[in-house]
PDB file of N, CA and C in Angstrom:
ATOM      1  N   MET A   1     238.902 199.950 189.638  1.00  0.00           N
ATOM      2  CA  MET A   1     238.245 200.283 188.510  1.00  0.00           C
ATOM      3  C   MET A   1     239.766 200.691 187.334  1.00  0.00           C
ATOM      4  N   GLN A   2     241.337 200.073 188.202  1.00  0.00           N
ATOM      5  CA  GLN A   2     242.046 199.989 187.638  1.00  0.00           C
ATOM      6  C   GLN A   2     242.188 198.610 186.944  1.00  0.00           C
ATOM      7  N   THR A   3     241.881 198.143 187.320  1.00  0.00           N
ATOM      8  CA  THR A   3     241.852 196.238 186.692  1.00  0.00           C
ATOM      9  C   THR A   3     240.649 195.863 185.752  1.00  0.00           C
ATOM     10  N   GLU A   4     239.092 196.937 185.742  1.00  0.00           N
ATOM     11  CA  GLU A   4     238.351 196.907 184.955  1.00  0.00           C
ATOM     12  C   GLU A   4     238.125 196.992 183.920  1.00  0.00           C
ATOM     13  N   PRO A   5     237.449 196.011 182.638  1.00  0.00           N
ATOM     14  CA  PRO A   5     237.794 197.130 181.362  1.00  0.00           C
ATOM     15  C   PRO A   5     236.868 198.213 181.035  1.00  0.00           C
ATOM     16  N   GLU A   6     237.075 198.758 181.115  1.00  0.00           N
ATOM     17  CA  GLU A   6     236.228 200.782 181.460  1.00  0.00           C
ATOM     18  C   GLU A   6     237.152 201.029 180.317  1.00  0.00           C
ATOM     19  N   SER A   7     236.089 201.550 179.499  1.00  0.00           N
ATOM     20  CA  SER A   7     236.675 202.245 177.612  1.00  0.00           C
ATOM     21  C   SER A   7     237.273 203.682 178.219  1.00  0.00           C
ATOM     22  N   ARG A   8     236.941 204.186 179.218  1.00  0.00           N
ATOM     23  CA  ARG A   8     237.823 205.430 179.688  1.00  0.00           C
ATOM     24  C   ARG A   8     238.384 205.437 180.584  1.00  0.00           C
ATOM     25  N   ARG A   9     239.226 204.342 180.994  1.00  0.00           N
ATOM     26  CA  ARG A   9     239.577 204.173 182.228  1.00  0.00           C
ATOM     27  C   ARG A   9     241.230 204.884 182.465  1.00  0.00           C
ATOM     28  N   GLU A  10     241.660 204.916 181.617  1.00  0.00           N
ATOM     29  CA  GLU A  10     242.910 206.090 181.485  1.00  0.00           C
ATOM     30  C   GLU A  10     243.038 207.043 181.586  1.00  0.00           C
ATOM     31  N   TRP A  11     241.592 207.790 180.799  1.00  0.00           N
ATOM     32  CA  TRP A  11     241.073 208.994 180.880  1.00  0.00           C
ATOM     33  C   TRP A  11     240.867 209.611 182.253  1.00  0.00           C
ATOM     34  N   MET A  12     239.888 208.489 182.843  1.00  0.00           N
ATOM     35  CA  MET A  12     239.033 208.529 184.298  1.00  0.00           C
ATOM     36  C   MET A  12     240.838 208.778 185.208  1.00  0.00           C
ATOM     37  N   LEU A  13     241.031 207.963 185.560  1.00  0.00           N
ATOM     38  CA  LEU A  13     242.072 207.761 186.425  1.00  0.00           C
ATOM     39  C   LEU A  13     243.211 208.680 186.151  1.00  0.00           C
ATOM     40  N   HIS A  14     243.883 209.336 185.289  1.00  0.00           N
ATOM     41  CA  HIS A  14     244.521 210.218 184.720  1.00  0.00           C
ATOM     42  C   HIS A  14     243.662 211.598 185.777  1.00  0.00           C
ATOM     43  N   ARG A  15     242.421 212.008 185.072  1.00  0.00           N
ATOM     44  CA  ARG A  15     241.638 213.130 185.882  1.00  0.00           C
ATOM     45  C   ARG A  15     241.706 213.095 187.807  1.00  0.00           C
ATOM     46  N   PHE A  16     241.145 211.725 187.681  1.00  0.00           N
ATOM     47  CA  PHE A  16     241.025 211.119 189.160  1.00  0.00           C
ATOM     48  C   PHE A  16     242.738 211.667 190.167  1.00  0.00           C
ATOM     49  N   GLU A  17     243.658 211.049 189.751  1.00  0.00           N
ATOM     50  CA  GLU A  17     244.731 211.651 189.981  1.00  0.00           C
ATOM     51  C   GLU A  17     245.397 213.242 189.833  1.00  0.00           C
ATOM     52  N   TRP A  18     244.940 213.752 188.686  1.00  0.00           N
ATOM     53  CA  TRP A  18     245.084 215.007 188.735  1.00  0.00           C
ATOM     54  C   TRP A  18     244.411 215.985 190.028  1.00  0.00           C
ATOM     55  N   ALA A  19     242.892 215.477 190.159  1.00  0.00           N
ATOM     56  CA  ALA A  19     242.015 216.037 191.169  1.00  0.00           C
ATOM     57  C   ALA A  19     243.212 215.733 192.553  1.00  0.00           C
ATOM     58  N   ALA A  20     243.592 214.917 192.581  1.00  0.00           N
ATOM     59  CA  ALA A  20     244.402 214.326 194.070  1.00  0.00           C
ATOM     60  C   ALA A  20     245.082 215.098 194.599  1.00  0.00           C
ATOM     61  N   LYS A  21     246.200 216.123 193.197  1.00  0.00           N
ATOM     62  CA  LYS A  21     247.387 216.867 193.553  1.00  0.00           C
ATOM     63  C   LYS A  21     246.968 218.065 194.210  1.00  0.00           C
ATOM     64  N   SER A  22     246.353 218.181 194.434  1.00  0.00           N
ATOM     65  CA  SER A  22     245.539 219.659 195.427  1.00  0.00           C
ATOM     66  C   SER A  22     245.033 219.478 196.825  1.00  0.00           C
ATOM     67  N   ASP A  23     245.189 218.309 196.924  1.00  0.00           N
ATOM     68  CA  ASP A  23     244.863 218.294 198.425  1.00  0.00           C
ATOM     69  C   ASP A  23     246.170 217.362 198.748  1.00  0.00           C
ATOM     70  N   SER A  24     247.093 217.475 199.799  1.00  0.00           N
ATOM     71  CA  SER A  24     247.939 216.995 200.074  1.00  0.00           C
ATOM     72  C   SER A  24     247.869 216.044 201.231  1.00  0.00           C
ATOM     73  N   ARG A  25     246.242 215.671 201.655  1.00  0.00           N
ATOM     74  CA  ARG A  25     245.449 214.182 202.224  1.00  0.00           C
ATOM     75  C   ARG A  25     245.367 213.180 201.297  1.00  0.00           C
ATOM     76  N   ILE A  26     245.731 213.352 200.076  1.00  0.00           N
ATOM     77  CA  ILE A  26     245.133 212.558 199.185  1.00  0.00           C
ATOM     78  C   ILE A  26     246.432 212.105 198.434  1.00  0.00           C
ATOM     79  N   THR A  27     246.573 210.180 198.657  1.00  0.00           N
ATOM     80  CA  THR A  27     247.902 210.079 198.065  1.00  0.00           C
ATOM     81  C   THR A  27     247.643 209.682 196.511  1.00  0.00           C
ATOM     82  N   ASN A  28     246.777 208.931 196.296  1.00  0.00           N
ATOM     83  CA  ASN A  28     246.573 208.785 194.707  1.00  0.00           C
ATOM     84  C   ASN A  28     245.138 209.255 194.121  1.00  0.00           C
ATOM     85  N   TYR A  29     244.223 209.168 193.877  1.00  0.00           N
ATOM     86  CA  TYR A  29     243.019 209.539 193.396  1.00  0.00           C
ATOM     87  C   TYR A  29     242.051 210.293 194.149  1.00  0.00           C
ATOM     88  N   LYS A  30     241.425 211.567 194.056  1.00  0.00           N
ATOM     89  CA  LYS A  30     240.075 212.435 194.426  1.00  0.00           C
ATOM     90  C   LYS A  30     238.868 212.053 193.518  1.00  0.00           C
ATOM     91  N   PHE A  31     238.331 211.414 194.263  1.00  0.00           N
ATOM     92  CA  PHE A  31     237.142 211.141 193.703  1.00  0.00           C
ATOM     93  C   PHE A  31     235.858 211.962 193.495  1.00  0.00           C
ATOM     94  N   TRP A  32     235.572 212.823 194.256  1.00  0.00           N
ATOM     95  CA  TRP A  32     234.530 213.284 195.054  1.00  0.00           C
ATOM     96  C   TRP A  32     235.296 214.868 194.709  1.00  0.00           C
ATOM     97  N   GLN A  33     234.258 216.052 194.368  1.00  0.00           N
ATOM     98  CA  GLN A  33     234.297 217.015 194.319  1.00  0.00           C
ATOM     99  C   GLN A  33     234.108 217.837 195.665  1.00  0.00           C
ATOM    100  N   GLU A  34     235.287 219.100 196.265  1.00  0.00           N
ATOM    101  CA  GLU A  34     235.282 219.817 197.039  1.00  0.00           C
ATOM    102  C   GLU A  34     233.544 220.442 197.730  1.00  0.00           C
ATOM    103  N   SER A  35     233.438 221.109 196.252  1.00  0.00           N
ATOM    104  CA  SER A  35     232.656 221.755 196.670  1.00  0.00           C
ATOM    105  C   SER A  35     230.954 221.267 196.397  1.00  0.00           C
ATOM    106  N   ASN A  36     230.560 219.811 196.313  1.00  0.00           N
ATOM    107  CA  ASN A  36     229.823 219.197 196.976  1.00  0.00           C
ATOM    108  C   ASN A  36     229.234 219.182 198.087  1.00  0.00           C
ATOM    109  N   HIS A  37     228.219 218.836 198.647  1.00  0.00           N
ATOM    110  CA  HIS A  37     227.846 218.976 200.206  1.00  0.00           C
ATOM    111  C   HIS A  37     227.115 217.626 200.231  1.00  0.00           C
ATOM    112  N   ALA A  38     227.492 217.521 201.446  1.00  0.00           N
ATOM    113  CA  ALA A  38     226.561 216.146 201.729  1.00  0.00           C
ATOM    114  C   ALA A  38     224.950 216.296 202.075  1.00  0.00           C
ATOM    115  N   VAL A  39     224.189 215.255 201.775  1.00  0.00           N
ATOM    116  CA  VAL A  39     222.818 215.462 202.220  1.00  0.00           C
ATOM    117  C   VAL A  39     222.300 213.953 202.531  1.00  0.00           C
ATOM    118  N   PHE A  40     221.862 214.092 204.097  1.00  0.00           N
ATOM    119  CA  PHE A  40     221.212 213.006 204.311  1.00  0.00           C
ATOM    120  C   PHE A  40     219.868 212.834 203.607  1.00  0.00           C
ATOM    121  N   LEU A  41     219.871 211.091 203.327  1.00  0.00           N
ATOM    122  CA  LEU A  41     218.539 210.555 202.539  1.00  0.00           C
ATOM    123  C   LEU A  41     218.022 209.840 203.547  1.00  0.00           C
ATOM    124  N   ASP A  42     217.147 210.118 204.581  1.00  0.00           N
ATOM    125  CA  ASP A  42     216.213 209.387 205.283  1.00  0.00           C
ATOM    126  C   ASP A  42     214.949 208.549 204.874  1.00  0.00           C
ATOM    127  N   PRO A  43     215.725 206.992 204.801  1.00  0.00           N
ATOM    128  CA  PRO A  43     215.119 206.330 203.789  1.00  0.00           C
ATOM    129  C   PRO A  43     212.887 206.551 204.156  1.00  0.00           C
ATOM    130  N   HIS A  44     212.617 207.063 205.323  1.00  0.00           N
ATOM    131  CA  HIS A  44     211.238 207.582 205.399  1.00  0.00           C
ATOM    132  C   HIS A  44     210.873 208.381 204.262  1.00  0.00           C
ATOM    133  N   PHE A  45     211.696 209.395 203.459  1.00  0.00           N
ATOM    134  CA  PHE A  45     211.021 210.345 202.705  1.00  0.00           C
ATOM    135  C   PHE A  45     211.894 210.030 201.429  1.00  0.00           C
ATOM    136  N   THR A  46     210.513 208.838 201.134  1.00  0.00           N
ATOM    137  CA  THR A  46     211.093 208.003 199.836  1.00  0.00           C
ATOM    138  C   THR A  46     210.809 208.945 198.846  1.00  0.00           C
ATOM    139  N   ALA A  47     210.243 209.754 198.585  1.00  0.00           N
ATOM    140  CA  ALA A  47     209.845 210.569 197.333  1.00  0.00           C
ATOM    141  C   ALA A  47     211.497 211.129 197.431  1.00  0.00           C
ATOM    142  N   LEU A  48     212.024 211.924 197.883  1.00  0.00           N
ATOM    143  CA  LEU A  48     213.186 212.787 198.239  1.00  0.00           C
ATOM    144  C   LEU A  48     214.451 212.018 197.736  1.00  0.00           C
ATOM    145  N   ALA A  49     214.221 210.466 198.662  1.00  0.00           N
ATOM    146  CA  ALA A  49     215.899 209.339 198.225  1.00  0.00           C
ATOM    147  C   ALA A  49     215.284 209.077 196.744  1.00  0.00           C
ATOM    148  N   GLU A  50     214.010 208.972 196.069  1.00  0.00           N
ATOM    149  CA  GLU A  50     213.780 208.922 194.876  1.00  0.00           C
ATOM    150  C   GLU A  50     214.476 209.698 193.881  1.00  0.00           C
ATOM    151  N   GLN A  51     214.373 210.864 194.046  1.00  0.00           N
ATOM    152  CA  GLN A  51     214.473 211.886 193.590  1.00  0.00           C
ATOM    153  C   GLN A  51     216.283 211.806 193.593  1.00  0.00           C
ATOM    154  N   LYS A  52     216.955 212.054 194.514  1.00  0.00           N
ATOM    155  CA  LYS A  52     218.216 211.886 194.480  1.00  0.00           C
ATOM    156  C   LYS A  52     218.811 210.786 193.701  1.00  0.00           C
ATOM    157  N   ILE A  53     218.076 209.748 193.996  1.00  0.00           N
ATOM    158  CA  ILE A  53     218.887 208.154 193.364  1.00  0.00           C
ATOM    159  C   ILE A  53     218.794 208.476 191.748  1.00  0.00           C
ATOM    160  N   LYS A  54     217.542 209.026 191.305  1.00  0.00           N
ATOM    161  CA  LYS A  54     217.243 209.512 190.345  1.00  0.00           C
ATOM    162  C   LYS A  54     218.540 210.074 189.243  1.00  0.00           C
ATOM    163  N   TYR A  55     218.560 211.154 190.013  1.00  0.00           N
ATOM    164  CA  TYR A  55     219.556 212.306 189.614  1.00  0.00           C
ATOM    165  C   TYR A  55     221.417 211.366 189.462  1.00  0.00           C
ATOM    166  N   ILE A  56     221.322 210.761 190.353  1.00  0.00           N
ATOM    167  CA  ILE A  56     222.417 210.172 190.596  1.00  0.00           C
ATOM    168  C   ILE A  56     223.053 209.199 189.328  1.00  0.00           C
ATOM    169  N   HIS A  57     221.886 208.495 189.376  1.00  0.00           N
ATOM    170  CA  HIS A  57     222.095 207.661 188.218  1.00  0.00           C
ATOM    171  C   HIS A  57     221.987 207.999 186.829  1.00  0.00           C
ATOM    172  N   ASP A  58     221.145 209.479 186.307  1.00  0.00           N
ATOM    173  CA  ASP A  58     221.570 209.900 185.213  1.00  0.00           C
ATOM    174  C   ASP A  58     222.294 210.824 184.940  1.00  0.00           C
ATOM    175  N   ASN A  59     223.794 210.458 185.581  1.00  0.00           N
ATOM    176  CA  ASN A  59     224.767 211.296 185.564  1.00  0.00           C
ATOM    177  C   ASN A  59     225.433 210.713 184.412  1.00  0.00           C
ATOM    178  N   PRO A  60     225.862 209.532 184.259  1.00  0.00           N
ATOM    179  CA  PRO A  60     226.313 209.028 183.289  1.00  0.00           C
ATOM    180  C   PRO A  60     225.799 208.872 181.511  1.00  0.00           C
ATOM    181  N   VAL A  61     223.959 209.554 181.806  1.00  0.00           N
ATOM    182  CA  VAL A  61     223.596 209.919 180.586  1.00  0.00           C
ATOM    183  C   VAL A  61     224.198 211.495 180.166  1.00  0.00           C
ATOM    184  N   ARG A  62     223.224 212.272 181.358  1.00  0.00           N
ATOM    185  CA  ARG A  62     224.475 213.629 180.914  1.00  0.00           C
ATOM    186  C   ARG A  62     225.810 213.383 180.278  1.00  0.00           C
ATOM    187  N   ALA A  63     225.963 213.008 180.997  1.00  0.00           N
ATOM    188  CA  ALA A  63     227.655 212.511 180.555  1.00  0.00           C
ATOM    189  C   ALA A  63     227.859 212.323 178.995  1.00  0.00           C
ATOM    190  N   GLY A  64     226.720 211.729 178.484  1.00  0.00           N
ATOM    191  CA  GLY A  64     226.858 210.935 176.923  1.00  0.00           C
ATOM    192  C   GLY A  64     227.551 209.871 176.868  1.00  0.00           C
ATOM    193  N   ILE A  65     228.059 209.223 177.913  1.00  0.00           N
ATOM    194  CA  ILE A  65     228.518 207.923 178.437  1.00  0.00           C
ATOM    195  C   ILE A  65     227.693 206.345 177.820  1.00  0.00           C
ATOM    196  N   VAL A  66     226.763 206.604 178.529  1.00  0.00           N
ATOM    197  CA  VAL A  66     225.840 205.487 177.882  1.00  0.00           C
ATOM    198  C   VAL A  66     224.379 206.417 177.368  1.00  0.00           C
ATOM    199  N   ASP A  67     223.498 205.539 177.082  1.00  0.00           N
ATOM    200  CA  ASP A  67     222.066 206.060 176.589  1.00  0.00           C
ATOM    201  C   ASP A  67     221.110 206.142 177.398  1.00  0.00           C
ATOM    202  N   VAL A  68     221.144 204.754 178.755  1.00  0.00           N
ATOM    203  CA  VAL A  68     219.967 204.501 180.043  1.00  0.00           C
ATOM    204  C   VAL A  68     221.031 204.266 180.739  1.00  0.00           C
ATOM    205  N   PRO A  69     220.775 205.008 182.139  1.00  0.00           N
ATOM    206  CA  PRO A  69     221.353 204.513 183.466  1.00  0.00           C
ATOM    207  C   PRO A  69     221.942 203.470 183.542  1.00  0.00           C
ATOM    208  N   GLU A  70     220.785 202.185 183.609  1.00  0.00           N
ATOM    209  CA  GLU A  70     221.237 200.736 183.605  1.00  0.00           C
ATOM    210  C   GLU A  70     222.045 200.146 182.436  1.00  0.00           C
ATOM    211  N   ASP A  71     222.391 200.688 181.966  1.00  0.00           N
ATOM    212  CA  ASP A  71     224.037 200.360 180.854  1.00  0.00           C
ATOM    213  C   ASP A  71     225.096 200.445 181.259  1.00  0.00           C
ATOM    214  N   TYR A  72     225.103 201.236 182.359  1.00  0.00           N
ATOM    215  CA  TYR A  72     226.526 202.166 182.882  1.00  0.00           C
ATOM    216  C   TYR A  72     227.080 201.071 184.122  1.00  0.00           C
ATOM    217  N   LEU A  73     227.850 200.081 183.663  1.00  0.00           N
ATOM    218  CA  LEU A  73     228.510 198.898 184.614  1.00  0.00           C
ATOM    219  C   LEU A  73     228.469 198.979 186.688  1.00  0.00           C
ATOM    220  N   TYR A  74     229.359 200.668 186.067  1.00  0.00           N
ATOM    221  CA  TYR A  74     229.173 201.093 187.831  1.00  0.00           C
ATOM    222  C   TYR A  74     228.197 201.600 188.673  1.00  0.00           C
ATOM    223  N   SER A  75     227.068 201.721 187.874  1.00  0.00           N
ATOM    224  CA  SER A  75     226.222 202.314 188.228  1.00  0.00           C
ATOM    225  C   SER A  75     224.931 201.318 189.119  1.00  0.00           C
ATOM    226  N   SER A  76     224.515 201.898 190.567  1.00  0.00           N
ATOM    227  CA  SER A  76     223.489 201.332 191.050  1.00  0.00           C
ATOM    228  C   SER A  76     221.802 200.712 190.644  1.00  0.00           C
ATOM    229  N   ALA A  77     222.393 201.759 189.220  1.00  0.00           N
ATOM    230  CA  ALA A  77     220.593 201.717 188.514  1.00  0.00           C
ATOM    231  C   ALA A  77     220.792 200.433 187.493  1.00  0.00           C
ATOM    232  N   ARG A  78     221.758 199.728 187.842  1.00  0.00           N
ATOM    233  CA  ARG A  78     221.675 198.292 187.303  1.00  0.00           C
ATOM    234  C   ARG A  78     220.661 197.445 188.152  1.00  0.00           C
ATOM    235  N   ASP A  79     221.086 197.499 189.441  1.00  0.00           N
ATOM    236  CA  ASP A  79     220.384 196.920 190.641  1.00  0.00           C
ATOM    237  C   ASP A  79     218.661 196.969 190.923  1.00  0.00           C
ATOM    238  N   TYR A  80     218.431 198.347 190.852  1.00  0.00           N
ATOM    239  CA  TYR A  80     217.472 198.835 191.035  1.00  0.00           C
ATOM    240  C   TYR A  80     216.458 198.547 189.477  1.00  0.00           C
ATOM    241  N   CYS A  81     216.826 197.598 188.241  1.00  0.00           N
ATOM    242  CA  CYS A  81     215.939 197.426 187.243  1.00  0.00           C
ATOM    243  C   CYS A  81     216.117 195.969 187.242  1.00  0.00           C
ATOM    244  N   GLY A  82     217.198 195.384 188.352  1.00  0.00           N
ATOM    245  CA  GLY A  82     216.948 193.763 188.285  1.00  0.00           C
ATOM    246  C   GLY A  82     218.164 193.384 187.405  1.00  0.00           C
ATOM    247  N   LYS A  83     219.035 194.019 187.511  1.00  0.00           N
ATOM    248  CA  LYS A  83     220.063 193.339 186.762  1.00  0.00           C
ATOM    249  C   LYS A  83     221.081 193.059 187.610  1.00  0.00           C
ATOM    250  N   THR A  84     222.214 192.486 187.230  1.00  0.00           N
ATOM    251  CA  THR A  84     223.866 192.677 188.529  1.00  0.00           C
ATOM    252  C   THR A  84     225.062 193.983 187.825  1.00  0.00           C
ATOM    253  N   GLY A  85     225.328 194.616 188.686  1.00  0.00           N
ATOM    254  CA  GLY A  85     226.239 195.505 188.631  1.00  0.00           C
ATOM    255  C   GLY A  85     227.526 194.965 189.100  1.00  0.00           C
ATOM    256  N   LEU A  86     228.842 195.915 189.021  1.00  0.00           N
ATOM    257  CA  LEU A  86     229.521 195.664 189.287  1.00  0.00           C
ATOM    258  C   LEU A  86     230.205 196.241 190.765  1.00  0.00           C
ATOM    259  N   VAL A  87     229.223 196.981 191.401  1.00  0.00           N
ATOM    260  CA  VAL A  87     229.137 197.392 192.475  1.00  0.00           C
ATOM    261  C   VAL A  87     228.037 196.856 193.521  1.00  0.00           C
ATOM    262  N   LYS A  88     228.557 196.424 194.992  1.00  0.00           N
ATOM    263  CA  LYS A  88     227.409 196.195 195.565  1.00  0.00           C
ATOM    264  C   LYS A  88     226.389 196.893 196.445  1.00  0.00           C
ATOM    265  N   VAL A  89     225.515 196.651 196.029  1.00  0.00           N
ATOM    266  CA  VAL A  89     224.407 198.021 196.656  1.00  0.00           C
ATOM    267  C   VAL A  89     223.812 197.320 196.981  1.00  0.00           C
ATOM    268  N   ASN A  90     223.280 198.194 198.361  1.00  0.00           N
ATOM    269  CA  ASN A  90     221.405 197.615 198.803  1.00  0.00           C
ATOM    270  C   ASN A  90     220.680 198.962 198.607  1.00  0.00           C
ATOM    271  N   LEU A  91     219.577 198.052 198.454  1.00  0.00           N
ATOM    272  CA  LEU A  91     218.745 199.098 197.359  1.00  0.00           C
ATOM    273  C   LEU A  91     217.689 199.601 198.765  1.00  0.00           C
ATOM    274  N   TRP A  92     217.576 200.982 198.471  1.00  0.00           N
ATOM    275  CA  TRP A  92     216.450 201.506 199.674  1.00  0.00           C
ATOM    276  C   TRP A  92     215.143 201.166 199.131  1.00  0.00           C
ATOM    277  N   ILE A  93     214.722 201.332 197.890  1.00  0.00           N
ATOM    278  CA  ILE A  93     213.121 201.777 197.383  1.00  0.00           C
ATOM    279  C   ILE A  93     212.872 199.918 196.750  1.00  0.00           C
TER     280      ILE A  93
END
């Protein structure tokens, strides 16, 4: 992310760096929130997996960064709609 032409890169890096200061185990940036909990997505439960993937893909839309999920360059939503994203993903569905 430090070298990609993301319009909010400096702001995002500053926020991730600030969040890392609250955890002595992290040296640079903290991306995940501690309050989140892991959810195992078994590929056999396709409906649940689709629901969770859609929720994740819609995050940049809810944040007002893009109008549609596949426009966010760092999202796997691009791969799911046939475009190439900046993040290598293995499609589940």
